Amino acid sequence: MEQKKNETATFNDDWLWHTIIFRLCKELNYIPEQIYDLVLTSCLDWMSFFKDRDEYEQKLADQQKGITRY
């Protein structure tokens, strides 16, 4: 049996679209039907905003802890 070392956990890419819908519902306090009614570019804009916001918040948290990895 072959041993696998240093593997990180990954989520199956088959669920990527569901992950996006779930995130938009959670962040915008919408139900899936409301997300489906949005224009695709609006969804992409929101996802970009959430990604940038999360990265900014992580940098602030790291800065407060004295972690410098950027």
Protein backbone atom coordinates (compact mmCIF):
# COMPACT_ATOMS: atom_id res chain seq x y z
CA MET A 1 0.00 0.00 0.00
CA GLU A 2 1.36 3.38 -0.98
CA GLN A 3 1.47 6.03 1.73
CA LYS A 4 0.46 9.58 0.93
CA LYS A 5 2.25 12.31 2.83
CA ASN A 6 1.56 16.00 3.33
CA GLU A 7 -1.78 16.02 1.56
CA THR A 8 -4.12 18.87 2.27
CA ALA A 9 -7.84 18.39 2.52
CA THR A 10 -9.69 19.38 -0.64
CA PHE A 11 -13.34 19.71 -1.44
CA ASN A 12 -14.54 18.02 -4.60
CA ASP A 13 -14.76 20.51 -7.48
CA ASP A 14 -18.09 18.96 -8.46
CA TRP A 15 -19.64 21.03 -5.67
CA LEU A 16 -18.08 24.36 -6.64
CA TRP A 17 -21.30 25.90 -7.98
CA HIS A 18 -23.22 24.84 -4.88
CA THR A 19 -20.49 26.33 -2.71
CA ILE A 20 -20.84 29.64 -4.53
CA ILE A 21 -24.64 29.64 -4.18
CA PHE A 22 -24.36 28.72 -0.49
CA ARG A 23 -21.86 31.55 0.13
CA LEU A 24 -23.99 34.13 -1.66
CA CYS A 25 -27.10 33.03 0.25
CA LYS A 26 -25.26 33.23 3.55
CA GLU A 27 -23.57 36.57 2.91
CA LEU A 28 -26.50 38.34 1.25
CA ASN A 29 -29.18 36.72 3.42
CA TYR A 30 -30.97 35.45 0.31
CA ILE A 31 -32.62 32.19 -0.58
CA PRO A 32 -31.25 30.25 -3.58
CA GLU A 33 -34.10 31.37 -5.84
CA GLN A 34 -33.10 35.00 -5.27
CA ILE A 35 -29.50 34.18 -6.17
CA TYR A 36 -30.61 32.46 -9.37
CA ASP A 37 -32.43 35.65 -10.37
CA LEU A 38 -29.24 37.74 -10.13
CA VAL A 39 -27.20 38.59 -13.18
CA LEU A 40 -24.03 36.48 -13.40
CA THR A 41 -21.73 39.52 -13.33
CA SER A 42 -23.39 40.64 -10.11
CA CYS A 43 -22.68 37.24 -8.53
CA LEU A 44 -19.07 37.41 -9.67
CA ASP A 45 -18.69 40.93 -8.30
CA TRP A 46 -20.04 39.83 -4.93
CA MET A 47 -17.74 36.80 -4.84
CA SER A 48 -14.73 39.01 -5.65
CA PHE A 49 -15.74 41.41 -2.90
CA PHE A 50 -16.07 38.58 -0.34
CA LYS A 51 -12.67 37.16 -1.32
CA ASP A 52 -10.93 40.55 -1.01
CA ARG A 53 -12.69 41.29 2.28
CA ASP A 54 -11.73 37.92 3.74
CA GLU A 55 -8.09 38.37 2.71
CA TYR A 56 -8.03 41.87 4.22
CA GLU A 57 -9.55 40.63 7.48
CA GLN A 58 -7.04 37.76 7.61
CA LYS A 59 -4.14 40.19 7.13
CA LEU A 60 -5.47 42.39 9.94
CA ALA A 61 -5.83 39.38 12.23
CA ASP A 62 -2.32 38.19 11.37
CA GLN A 63 -0.95 41.69 11.97
CA GLN A 64 -2.52 41.76 15.42
CA LYS A 65 -0.94 38.38 16.19
CA GLY A 66 2.43 39.52 14.87
CA ILE A 67 2.39 37.09 11.95
CA THR A 68 4.11 38.33 8.79
CA ARG A 69 3.62 36.06 5.81
CA TYR A 70 2.87 38.62 3.13
